[in-house]
Amino acid sequence: MIEFIKTYYVEIIAAALFIGAVVLMSYKGYKNQAKAIVLSLVAAAERKWGGGTGDIKYSEVASALYGKLPSFAKIVLNKATISKIIEDAVSKLKEHLSDETK
């Protein structure tokens, strides 16, 4: 095993870098896809549940998002990332709504 690693260490490093690049690109792509989906989900949850029901709306949006994402995206995007995407979408919606009332 050690001889194999010594012989092919350049190829092993190149393969690891390639895999890392694929995972990074997937992460960025799925994150952008999730952002696009979440904005519409947040707006729909706001219409459905109204004010004062943040936990219910969050649960509904997170559940719907996980249902729409491909399996690999569920591995790549962790809970903290999903929460941040949802929070950003809520902020965008609030900003949009406040601009409309002006």
PDB file of N, CA and C in Angstrom:
ATOM      1  N   MET A   1       0.832  -1.200   0.000  1.00  0.00           N
ATOM      2  CA  MET A   1       0.000   0.000   0.000  1.00  0.00           C
ATOM      3  C   MET A   1       0.870   1.255   0.000  1.00  0.00           C
ATOM      4  N   ILE A   2       1.881   1.274   0.834  1.00  0.00           N
ATOM      5  CA  ILE A   2       2.778   2.422   0.903  1.00  0.00           C
ATOM      6  C   ILE A   2       3.500   2.617  -0.429  1.00  0.00           C
ATOM      7  N   GLU A   3       3.890   1.528  -1.040  1.00  0.00           N
ATOM      8  CA  GLU A   3       4.566   1.613  -2.339  1.00  0.00           C
ATOM      9  C   GLU A   3       3.636   2.214  -3.391  1.00  0.00           C
ATOM     10  N   PHE A   4       2.391   1.824  -3.354  1.00  0.00           N
ATOM     11  CA  PHE A   4       1.402   2.366  -4.284  1.00  0.00           C
ATOM     12  C   PHE A   4       1.299   3.884  -4.124  1.00  0.00           C
ATOM     13  N   ILE A   5       1.214   4.336  -2.884  1.00  0.00           N
ATOM     14  CA  ILE A   5       1.102   5.768  -2.603  1.00  0.00           C
ATOM     15  C   ILE A   5       2.361   6.501  -3.056  1.00  0.00           C
ATOM     16  N   LYS A   6       3.524   5.918  -2.764  1.00  0.00           N
ATOM     17  CA  LYS A   6       4.781   6.540  -3.179  1.00  0.00           C
ATOM     18  C   LYS A   6       4.875   6.628  -4.700  1.00  0.00           C
ATOM     19  N   THR A   7       4.391   5.635  -5.377  1.00  0.00           N
ATOM     20  CA  THR A   7       4.475   5.598  -6.837  1.00  0.00           C
ATOM     21  C   THR A   7       3.492   6.561  -7.486  1.00  0.00           C
ATOM     22  N   TYR A   8       2.303   6.639  -6.948  1.00  0.00           N
ATOM     23  CA  TYR A   8       1.230   7.408  -7.589  1.00  0.00           C
ATOM     24  C   TYR A   8       0.795   8.643  -6.791  1.00  0.00           C
ATOM     25  N   TYR A   9       1.675   9.205  -5.966  1.00  0.00           N
ATOM     26  CA  TYR A   9       1.272  10.326  -5.120  1.00  0.00           C
ATOM     27  C   TYR A   9       0.822  11.543  -5.935  1.00  0.00           C
ATOM     28  N   VAL A  10       1.429  11.795  -7.077  1.00  0.00           N
ATOM     29  CA  VAL A  10       1.022  12.931  -7.904  1.00  0.00           C
ATOM     30  C   VAL A  10      -0.407  12.728  -8.411  1.00  0.00           C
ATOM     31  N   GLU A  11      -0.710  11.524  -8.879  1.00  0.00           N
ATOM     32  CA  GLU A  11      -2.039  11.221  -9.374  1.00  0.00           C
ATOM     33  C   GLU A  11      -3.076  11.283  -8.251  1.00  0.00           C
ATOM     34  N   ILE A  12      -2.694  10.834  -7.081  1.00  0.00           N
ATOM     35  CA  ILE A  12      -3.594  10.858  -5.919  1.00  0.00           C
ATOM     36  C   ILE A  12      -3.915  12.306  -5.538  1.00  0.00           C
ATOM     37  N   ILE A  13      -2.898  13.154  -5.522  1.00  0.00           N
ATOM     38  CA  ILE A  13      -3.113  14.567  -5.191  1.00  0.00           C
ATOM     39  C   ILE A  13      -3.981  15.233  -6.255  1.00  0.00           C
ATOM     40  N   ALA A  14      -3.700  14.942  -7.530  1.00  0.00           N
ATOM     41  CA  ALA A  14      -4.498  15.523  -8.616  1.00  0.00           C
ATOM     42  C   ALA A  14      -5.958  15.080  -8.514  1.00  0.00           C
ATOM     43  N   ALA A  15      -6.184  13.811  -8.215  1.00  0.00           N
ATOM     44  CA  ALA A  15      -7.553  13.309  -8.075  1.00  0.00           C
ATOM     45  C   ALA A  15      -8.255  13.973  -6.894  1.00  0.00           C
ATOM     46  N   ALA A  16      -7.543  14.146  -5.784  1.00  0.00           N
ATOM     47  CA  ALA A  16      -8.133  14.798  -4.611  1.00  0.00           C
ATOM     48  C   ALA A  16      -8.497  16.250  -4.919  1.00  0.00           C
ATOM     49  N   LEU A  17      -7.628  16.958  -5.623  1.00  0.00           N
ATOM     50  CA  LEU A  17      -7.919  18.341  -5.999  1.00  0.00           C
ATOM     51  C   LEU A  17      -9.112  18.417  -6.944  1.00  0.00           C
ATOM     52  N   PHE A  18      -9.187  17.487  -7.885  1.00  0.00           N
ATOM     53  CA  PHE A  18     -10.313  17.455  -8.816  1.00  0.00           C
ATOM     54  C   PHE A  18     -11.622  17.212  -8.070  1.00  0.00           C
ATOM     55  N   ILE A  19     -11.619  16.259  -7.173  1.00  0.00           N
ATOM     56  CA  ILE A  19     -12.822  15.955  -6.389  1.00  0.00           C
ATOM     57  C   ILE A  19     -13.214  17.161  -5.535  1.00  0.00           C
ATOM     58  N   GLY A  20     -12.224  17.813  -4.937  1.00  0.00           N
ATOM     59  CA  GLY A  20     -12.501  19.012  -4.148  1.00  0.00           C
ATOM     60  C   GLY A  20     -13.123  20.118  -4.992  1.00  0.00           C
ATOM     61  N   ALA A  21     -12.609  20.296  -6.199  1.00  0.00           N
ATOM     62  CA  ALA A  21     -13.147  21.318  -7.098  1.00  0.00           C
ATOM     63  C   ALA A  21     -14.584  21.000  -7.494  1.00  0.00           C
ATOM     64  N   VAL A  22     -14.867  19.729  -7.755  1.00  0.00           N
ATOM     65  CA  VAL A  22     -16.229  19.323  -8.122  1.00  0.00           C
ATOM     66  C   VAL A  22     -17.192  19.582  -6.966  1.00  0.00           C
ATOM     67  N   VAL A  23     -16.777  19.240  -5.766  1.00  0.00           N
ATOM     68  CA  VAL A  23     -17.632  19.464  -4.594  1.00  0.00           C
ATOM     69  C   VAL A  23     -17.863  20.959  -4.387  1.00  0.00           C
ATOM     70  N   LEU A  24     -16.813  21.772  -4.536  1.00  0.00           N
ATOM     71  CA  LEU A  24     -16.955  23.217  -4.365  1.00  0.00           C
ATOM     72  C   LEU A  24     -17.894  23.813  -5.406  1.00  0.00           C
ATOM     73  N   MET A  25     -17.739  23.412  -6.653  1.00  0.00           N
ATOM     74  CA  MET A  25     -18.627  23.915  -7.702  1.00  0.00           C
ATOM     75  C   MET A  25     -20.061  23.461  -7.475  1.00  0.00           C
ATOM     76  N   SER A  26     -20.231  22.236  -7.017  1.00  0.00           N
ATOM     77  CA  SER A  26     -21.574  21.736  -6.715  1.00  0.00           C
ATOM     78  C   SER A  26     -22.197  22.544  -5.585  1.00  0.00           C
ATOM     79  N   TYR A  27     -21.402  22.819  -4.559  1.00  0.00           N
ATOM     80  CA  TYR A  27     -21.886  23.595  -3.424  1.00  0.00           C
ATOM     81  C   TYR A  27     -22.395  24.956  -3.892  1.00  0.00           C
ATOM     82  N   LYS A  28     -21.586  25.654  -4.681  1.00  0.00           N
ATOM     83  CA  LYS A  28     -21.981  26.984  -5.156  1.00  0.00           C
ATOM     84  C   LYS A  28     -23.205  26.904  -6.061  1.00  0.00           C
ATOM     85  N   GLY A  29     -23.254  25.914  -6.927  1.00  0.00           N
ATOM     86  CA  GLY A  29     -24.397  25.759  -7.827  1.00  0.00           C
ATOM     87  C   GLY A  29     -25.672  25.435  -7.077  1.00  0.00           C
ATOM     88  N   TYR A  30     -25.592  24.496  -6.134  1.00  0.00           N
ATOM     89  CA  TYR A  30     -26.774  24.132  -5.361  1.00  0.00           C
ATOM     90  C   TYR A  30     -27.204  25.267  -4.438  1.00  0.00           C
ATOM     91  N   LYS A  31     -26.252  26.029  -3.945  1.00  0.00           N
ATOM     92  CA  LYS A  31     -26.595  27.158  -3.083  1.00  0.00           C
ATOM     93  C   LYS A  31     -27.378  28.199  -3.887  1.00  0.00           C
ATOM     94  N   ASN A  32     -26.934  28.486  -5.102  1.00  0.00           N
ATOM     95  CA  ASN A  32     -27.663  29.429  -5.951  1.00  0.00           C
ATOM     96  C   ASN A  32     -29.047  28.896  -6.312  1.00  0.00           C
ATOM     97  N   GLN A  33     -29.132  27.603  -6.573  1.00  0.00           N
ATOM     98  CA  GLN A  33     -30.420  26.979  -6.879  1.00  0.00           C
ATOM     99  C   GLN A  33     -31.346  27.086  -5.670  1.00  0.00           C
ATOM    100  N   ALA A  34     -30.809  26.817  -4.489  1.00  0.00           N
ATOM    101  CA  ALA A  34     -31.613  26.891  -3.263  1.00  0.00           C
ATOM    102  C   ALA A  34     -32.106  28.317  -3.024  1.00  0.00           C
ATOM    103  N   LYS A  35     -31.258  29.312  -3.285  1.00  0.00           N
ATOM    104  CA  LYS A  35     -31.667  30.711  -3.098  1.00  0.00           C
ATOM    105  C   LYS A  35     -32.857  31.052  -3.990  1.00  0.00           C
ATOM    106  N   ALA A  36     -32.817  30.586  -5.216  1.00  0.00           N
ATOM    107  CA  ALA A  36     -33.908  30.877  -6.152  1.00  0.00           C
ATOM    108  C   ALA A  36     -35.210  30.216  -5.707  1.00  0.00           C
ATOM    109  N   ILE A  37     -35.121  29.016  -5.199  1.00  0.00           N
ATOM    110  CA  ILE A  37     -36.308  28.282  -4.752  1.00  0.00           C
ATOM    111  C   ILE A  37     -36.878  28.896  -3.478  1.00  0.00           C
ATOM    112  N   VAL A  38     -35.989  29.231  -2.548  1.00  0.00           N
ATOM    113  CA  VAL A  38     -36.426  29.684  -1.221  1.00  0.00           C
ATOM    114  C   VAL A  38     -37.203  30.987  -1.282  1.00  0.00           C
ATOM    115  N   LEU A  39     -36.819  31.896  -2.141  1.00  0.00           N
ATOM    116  CA  LEU A  39     -37.514  33.177  -2.198  1.00  0.00           C
ATOM    117  C   LEU A  39     -39.004  32.986  -2.487  1.00  0.00           C
ATOM    118  N   SER A  40     -39.319  32.123  -3.427  1.00  0.00           N
ATOM    119  CA  SER A  40     -40.734  31.878  -3.722  1.00  0.00           C
ATOM    120  C   SER A  40     -41.414  31.113  -2.588  1.00  0.00           C
ATOM    121  N   LEU A  41     -40.695  30.209  -1.954  1.00  0.00           N
ATOM    122  CA  LEU A  41     -41.273  29.461  -0.828  1.00  0.00           C
ATOM    123  C   LEU A  41     -41.569  30.373   0.355  1.00  0.00           C
ATOM    124  N   VAL A  42     -40.671  31.313   0.615  1.00  0.00           N
ATOM    125  CA  VAL A  42     -40.878  32.255   1.722  1.00  0.00           C
ATOM    126  C   VAL A  42     -42.101  33.134   1.449  1.00  0.00           C
ATOM    127  N   ALA A  43     -42.222  33.613   0.223  1.00  0.00           N
ATOM    128  CA  ALA A  43     -43.385  34.450  -0.122  1.00  0.00           C
ATOM    129  C   ALA A  43     -44.682  33.666   0.019  1.00  0.00           C
ATOM    130  N   ALA A  44     -44.683  32.410  -0.426  1.00  0.00           N
ATOM    131  CA  ALA A  44     -45.891  31.576  -0.316  1.00  0.00           C
ATOM    132  C   ALA A  44     -46.233  31.304   1.147  1.00  0.00           C
ATOM    133  N   ALA A  45     -45.225  31.036   1.969  1.00  0.00           N
ATOM    134  CA  ALA A  45     -45.468  30.770   3.390  1.00  0.00           C
ATOM    135  C   ALA A  45     -45.996  32.018   4.086  1.00  0.00           C
ATOM    136  N   GLU A  46     -45.494  33.175   3.703  1.00  0.00           N
ATOM    137  CA  GLU A  46     -45.971  34.433   4.291  1.00  0.00           C
ATOM    138  C   GLU A  46     -47.439  34.668   3.952  1.00  0.00           C
ATOM    139  N   ARG A  47     -47.798  34.400   2.696  1.00  0.00           N
ATOM    140  CA  ARG A  47     -49.216  34.557   2.298  1.00  0.00           C
ATOM    141  C   ARG A  47     -50.098  33.560   3.048  1.00  0.00           C
ATOM    142  N   LYS A  48     -49.609  32.338   3.196  1.00  0.00           N
ATOM    143  CA  LYS A  48     -50.406  31.285   3.813  1.00  0.00           C
ATOM    144  C   LYS A  48     -50.576  31.496   5.318  1.00  0.00           C
ATOM    145  N   TRP A  49     -49.494  31.818   6.030  1.00  0.00           N
ATOM    146  CA  TRP A  49     -49.528  31.848   7.488  1.00  0.00           C
ATOM    147  C   TRP A  49     -49.627  33.244   8.096  1.00  0.00           C
ATOM    148  N   GLY A  50     -49.243  34.272   7.369  1.00  0.00           N
ATOM    149  CA  GLY A  50     -49.311  35.631   7.910  1.00  0.00           C
ATOM    150  C   GLY A  50     -48.251  35.896   8.961  1.00  0.00           C
ATOM    151  N   GLY A  51     -48.451  36.939   9.743  1.00  0.00           N
ATOM    152  CA  GLY A  51     -47.473  37.361  10.739  1.00  0.00           C
ATOM    153  C   GLY A  51     -47.551  36.564  12.029  1.00  0.00           C
ATOM    154  N   GLY A  52     -46.445  36.577  12.760  1.00  0.00           N
ATOM    155  CA  GLY A  52     -46.400  35.948  14.077  1.00  0.00           C
ATOM    156  C   GLY A  52     -46.297  34.435  14.062  1.00  0.00           C
ATOM    157  N   THR A  53     -45.982  33.861  12.929  1.00  0.00           N
ATOM    158  CA  THR A  53     -45.890  32.397  12.838  1.00  0.00           C
ATOM    159  C   THR A  53     -44.543  31.982  12.239  1.00  0.00           C
ATOM    160  N   GLY A  54     -43.494  32.633  12.683  1.00  0.00           N
ATOM    161  CA  GLY A  54     -42.166  32.422  12.119  1.00  0.00           C
ATOM    162  C   GLY A  54     -41.683  30.987  12.136  1.00  0.00           C
ATOM    163  N   ASP A  55     -41.886  30.289  13.255  1.00  0.00           N
ATOM    164  CA  ASP A  55     -41.425  28.898  13.361  1.00  0.00           C
ATOM    165  C   ASP A  55     -42.152  27.987  12.380  1.00  0.00           C
ATOM    166  N   ILE A  56     -43.430  28.201  12.236  1.00  0.00           N
ATOM    167  CA  ILE A  56     -44.225  27.391  11.306  1.00  0.00           C
ATOM    168  C   ILE A  56     -43.765  27.653   9.875  1.00  0.00           C
ATOM    169  N   LYS A  57     -43.595  28.929   9.540  1.00  0.00           N
ATOM    170  CA  LYS A  57     -43.168  29.281   8.181  1.00  0.00           C
ATOM    171  C   LYS A  57     -41.779  28.731   7.893  1.00  0.00           C
ATOM    172  N   TYR A  58     -40.870  28.846   8.866  1.00  0.00           N
ATOM    173  CA  TYR A  58     -39.511  28.332   8.681  1.00  0.00           C
ATOM    174  C   TYR A  58     -39.541  26.829   8.416  1.00  0.00           C
ATOM    175  N   SER A  59     -40.297  26.103   9.224  1.00  0.00           N
ATOM    176  CA  SER A  59     -40.391  24.652   9.056  1.00  0.00           C
ATOM    177  C   SER A  59     -40.965  24.281   7.697  1.00  0.00           C
ATOM    178  N   GLU A  60     -41.982  25.001   7.278  1.00  0.00           N
ATOM    179  CA  GLU A  60     -42.602  24.715   5.987  1.00  0.00           C
ATOM    180  C   GLU A  60     -41.632  24.983   4.834  1.00  0.00           C
ATOM    181  N   VAL A  61     -40.919  26.101   4.905  1.00  0.00           N
ATOM    182  CA  VAL A  61     -39.970  26.452   3.843  1.00  0.00           C
ATOM    183  C   VAL A  61     -38.816  25.459   3.802  1.00  0.00           C
ATOM    184  N   ALA A  62     -38.246  25.136   4.964  1.00  0.00           N
ATOM    185  CA  ALA A  62     -37.120  24.196   5.009  1.00  0.00           C
ATOM    186  C   ALA A  62     -37.534  22.827   4.484  1.00  0.00           C
ATOM    187  N   SER A  63     -38.698  22.363   4.882  1.00  0.00           N
ATOM    188  CA  SER A  63     -39.199  21.065   4.433  1.00  0.00           C
ATOM    189  C   SER A  63     -39.426  21.051   2.924  1.00  0.00           C
ATOM    190  N   ALA A  64     -40.059  22.099   2.418  1.00  0.00           N
ATOM    191  CA  ALA A  64     -40.318  22.180   0.974  1.00  0.00           C
ATOM    192  C   ALA A  64     -39.015  22.265   0.195  1.00  0.00           C
ATOM    193  N   LEU A  65     -38.044  23.002   0.718  1.00  0.00           N
ATOM    194  CA  LEU A  65     -36.758  23.127   0.033  1.00  0.00           C
ATOM    195  C   LEU A  65     -36.062  21.775  -0.045  1.00  0.00           C
ATOM    196  N   TYR A  66     -36.011  21.056   1.057  1.00  0.00           N
ATOM    197  CA  TYR A  66     -35.379  19.735   1.047  1.00  0.00           C
ATOM    198  C   TYR A  66     -36.079  18.793   0.080  1.00  0.00           C
ATOM    199  N   GLY A  67     -37.379  18.952  -0.082  1.00  0.00           N
ATOM    200  CA  GLY A  67     -38.111  18.123  -1.027  1.00  0.00           C
ATOM    201  C   GLY A  67     -37.787  18.444  -2.481  1.00  0.00           C
ATOM    202  N   LYS A  68     -37.388  19.676  -2.747  1.00  0.00           N
ATOM    203  CA  LYS A  68     -37.115  20.108  -4.117  1.00  0.00           C
ATOM    204  C   LYS A  68     -35.657  19.937  -4.538  1.00  0.00           C
ATOM    205  N   LEU A  69     -34.753  19.850  -3.572  1.00  0.00           N
ATOM    206  CA  LEU A  69     -33.334  19.735  -3.903  1.00  0.00           C
ATOM    207  C   LEU A  69     -32.951  18.305  -4.280  1.00  0.00           C
ATOM    208  N   PRO A  70     -31.981  18.155  -5.177  1.00  0.00           N
ATOM    209  CA  PRO A  70     -31.470  16.815  -5.487  1.00  0.00           C
ATOM    210  C   PRO A  70     -30.768  16.209  -4.273  1.00  0.00           C
ATOM    211  N   SER A  71     -30.623  14.904  -4.257  1.00  0.00           N
ATOM    212  CA  SER A  71     -30.033  14.202  -3.111  1.00  0.00           C
ATOM    213  C   SER A  71     -28.644  14.711  -2.757  1.00  0.00           C
ATOM    214  N   PHE A  72     -27.799  14.921  -3.767  1.00  0.00           N
ATOM    215  CA  PHE A  72     -26.433  15.361  -3.486  1.00  0.00           C
ATOM    216  C   PHE A  72     -26.425  16.735  -2.836  1.00  0.00           C
ATOM    217  N   ALA A  73     -27.364  17.594  -3.207  1.00  0.00           N
ATOM    218  CA  ALA A  73     -27.428  18.931  -2.625  1.00  0.00           C
ATOM    219  C   ALA A  73     -27.734  18.856  -1.133  1.00  0.00           C
ATOM    220  N   LYS A  74     -28.501  17.880  -0.736  1.00  0.00           N
ATOM    221  CA  LYS A  74     -28.835  17.724   0.682  1.00  0.00           C
ATOM    222  C   LYS A  74     -27.605  17.362   1.500  1.00  0.00           C
ATOM    223  N   ILE A  75     -26.640  16.732   0.845  1.00  0.00           N
ATOM    224  CA  ILE A  75     -25.387  16.386   1.518  1.00  0.00           C
ATOM    225  C   ILE A  75     -24.473  17.606   1.569  1.00  0.00           C
ATOM    226  N   VAL A  76     -24.411  18.344   0.467  1.00  0.00           N
ATOM    227  CA  VAL A  76     -23.481  19.459   0.331  1.00  0.00           C
ATOM    228  C   VAL A  76     -23.920  20.672   1.147  1.00  0.00           C
ATOM    229  N   LEU A  77     -25.215  20.961   1.179  1.00  0.00           N
ATOM    230  CA  LEU A  77     -25.727  22.121   1.908  1.00  0.00           C
ATOM    231  C   LEU A  77     -26.140  21.708   3.317  1.00  0.00           C
ATOM    232  N   ASN A  78     -25.422  22.203   4.313  1.00  0.00           N
ATOM    233  CA  ASN A  78     -25.744  21.826   5.689  1.00  0.00           C
ATOM    234  C   ASN A  78     -26.873  22.695   6.248  1.00  0.00           C
ATOM    235  N   LYS A  79     -27.279  22.375   7.452  1.00  0.00           N
ATOM    236  CA  LYS A  79     -28.418  23.062   8.077  1.00  0.00           C
ATOM    237  C   LYS A  79     -28.144  24.555   8.262  1.00  0.00           C
ATOM    238  N   ALA A  80     -26.924  24.906   8.633  1.00  0.00           N
ATOM    239  CA  ALA A  80     -26.584  26.318   8.832  1.00  0.00           C
ATOM    240  C   ALA A  80     -26.688  27.092   7.523  1.00  0.00           C
ATOM    241  N   THR A  81     -26.254  26.490   6.425  1.00  0.00           N
ATOM    242  CA  THR A  81     -26.340  27.145   5.123  1.00  0.00           C
ATOM    243  C   THR A  81     -27.793  27.339   4.719  1.00  0.00           C
ATOM    244  N   ILE A  82     -28.603  26.308   4.921  1.00  0.00           N
ATOM    245  CA  ILE A  82     -30.032  26.399   4.599  1.00  0.00           C
ATOM    246  C   ILE A  82     -30.681  27.500   5.438  1.00  0.00           C
ATOM    247  N   SER A  83     -30.362  27.566   6.722  1.00  0.00           N
ATOM    248  CA  SER A  83     -30.929  28.605   7.592  1.00  0.00           C
ATOM    249  C   SER A  83     -30.536  29.992   7.109  1.00  0.00           C
ATOM    250  N   LYS A  84     -29.289  30.158   6.716  1.00  0.00           N
ATOM    251  CA  LYS A  84     -28.807  31.454   6.218  1.00  0.00           C
ATOM    252  C   LYS A  84     -29.530  31.839   4.931  1.00  0.00           C
ATOM    253  N   ILE A  85     -29.729  30.884   4.036  1.00  0.00           N
ATOM    254  CA  ILE A  85     -30.436  31.154   2.786  1.00  0.00           C
ATOM    255  C   ILE A  85     -31.867  31.592   3.072  1.00  0.00           C
ATOM    256  N   ILE A  86     -32.531  30.919   4.012  1.00  0.00           N
ATOM    257  CA  ILE A  86     -33.910  31.276   4.362  1.00  0.00           C
ATOM    258  C   ILE A  86     -33.962  32.662   5.003  1.00  0.00           C
ATOM    259  N   GLU A  87     -33.037  32.950   5.920  1.00  0.00           N
ATOM    260  CA  GLU A  87     -33.000  34.264   6.560  1.00  0.00           C
ATOM    261  C   GLU A  87     -32.778  35.376   5.538  1.00  0.00           C
ATOM    262  N   ASP A  88     -31.883  35.133   4.578  1.00  0.00           N
ATOM    263  CA  ASP A  88     -31.634  36.126   3.529  1.00  0.00           C
ATOM    264  C   ASP A  88     -32.888  36.357   2.684  1.00  0.00           C
ATOM    265  N   ALA A  89     -33.607  35.285   2.383  1.00  0.00           N
ATOM    266  CA  ALA A  89     -34.834  35.415   1.591  1.00  0.00           C
ATOM    267  C   ALA A  89     -35.899  36.191   2.353  1.00  0.00           C
ATOM    268  N   VAL A  90     -36.003  35.950   3.647  1.00  0.00           N
ATOM    269  CA  VAL A  90     -36.967  36.687   4.472  1.00  0.00           C
ATOM    270  C   VAL A  90     -36.610  38.177   4.480  1.00  0.00           C
ATOM    271  N   SER A  91     -35.330  38.482   4.622  1.00  0.00           N
ATOM    272  CA  SER A  91     -34.891  39.883   4.598  1.00  0.00           C
ATOM    273  C   SER A  91     -35.214  40.536   3.255  1.00  0.00           C
ATOM    274  N   LYS A  92     -34.962  39.822   2.159  1.00  0.00           N
ATOM    275  CA  LYS A  92     -35.273  40.351   0.831  1.00  0.00           C
ATOM    276  C   LYS A  92     -36.764  40.616   0.688  1.00  0.00           C
ATOM    277  N   LEU A  93     -37.580  39.684   1.174  1.00  0.00           N
ATOM    278  CA  LEU A  93     -39.032  39.848   1.074  1.00  0.00           C
ATOM    279  C   LEU A  93     -39.493  41.054   1.884  1.00  0.00           C
ATOM    280  N   LYS A  94     -38.974  41.192   3.093  1.00  0.00           N
ATOM    281  CA  LYS A  94     -39.344  42.342   3.928  1.00  0.00           C
ATOM    282  C   LYS A  94     -38.921  43.649   3.275  1.00  0.00           C
ATOM    283  N   GLU A  95     -37.735  43.653   2.699  1.00  0.00           N
ATOM    284  CA  GLU A  95     -37.243  44.841   2.016  1.00  0.00           C
ATOM    285  C   GLU A  95     -38.123  45.178   0.820  1.00  0.00           C
ATOM    286  N   HIS A  96     -38.484  44.169   0.072  1.00  0.00           N
ATOM    287  CA  HIS A  96     -39.345  44.368  -1.092  1.00  0.00           C
ATOM    288  C   HIS A  96     -40.716  44.903  -0.691  1.00  0.00           C
ATOM    289  N   LEU A  97     -41.260  44.331   0.364  1.00  0.00           N
ATOM    290  CA  LEU A  97     -42.583  44.770   0.832  1.00  0.00           C
ATOM    291  C   LEU A  97     -42.531  46.197   1.380  1.00  0.00           C
ATOM    292  N   SER A  98     -41.457  46.557   2.061  1.00  0.00           N
ATOM    293  CA  SER A  98     -41.348  47.914   2.597  1.00  0.00           C
ATOM    294  C   SER A  98     -41.162  48.932   1.470  1.00  0.00           C
ATOM    295  N   ASP A  99     -40.491  48.525   0.377  1.00  0.00           N
ATOM    296  CA  ASP A  99     -40.337  49.410  -0.778  1.00  0.00           C
ATOM    297  C   ASP A  99     -41.676  49.642  -1.474  1.00  0.00           C
ATOM    298  N   GLU A 100     -42.524  48.636  -1.489  1.00  0.00           N
ATOM    299  CA  GLU A 100     -43.836  48.754  -2.138  1.00  0.00           C
ATOM    300  C   GLU A 100     -44.755  49.694  -1.379  1.00  0.00           C
ATOM    301  N   THR A 101     -44.625  49.764  -0.063  1.00  0.00           N
ATOM    302  CA  THR A 101     -45.514  50.592   0.742  1.00  0.00           C
ATOM    303  C   THR A 101     -45.107  52.063   0.733  1.00  0.00           C
ATOM    304  N   LYS A 102     -43.927  52.365   0.205  1.00  0.00           N
ATOM    305  CA  LYS A 102     -43.453  53.760   0.178  1.00  0.00           C
ATOM    306  C   LYS A 102     -44.056  54.510  -0.965  1.00  0.00           C
TER     307      LYS A 102
END
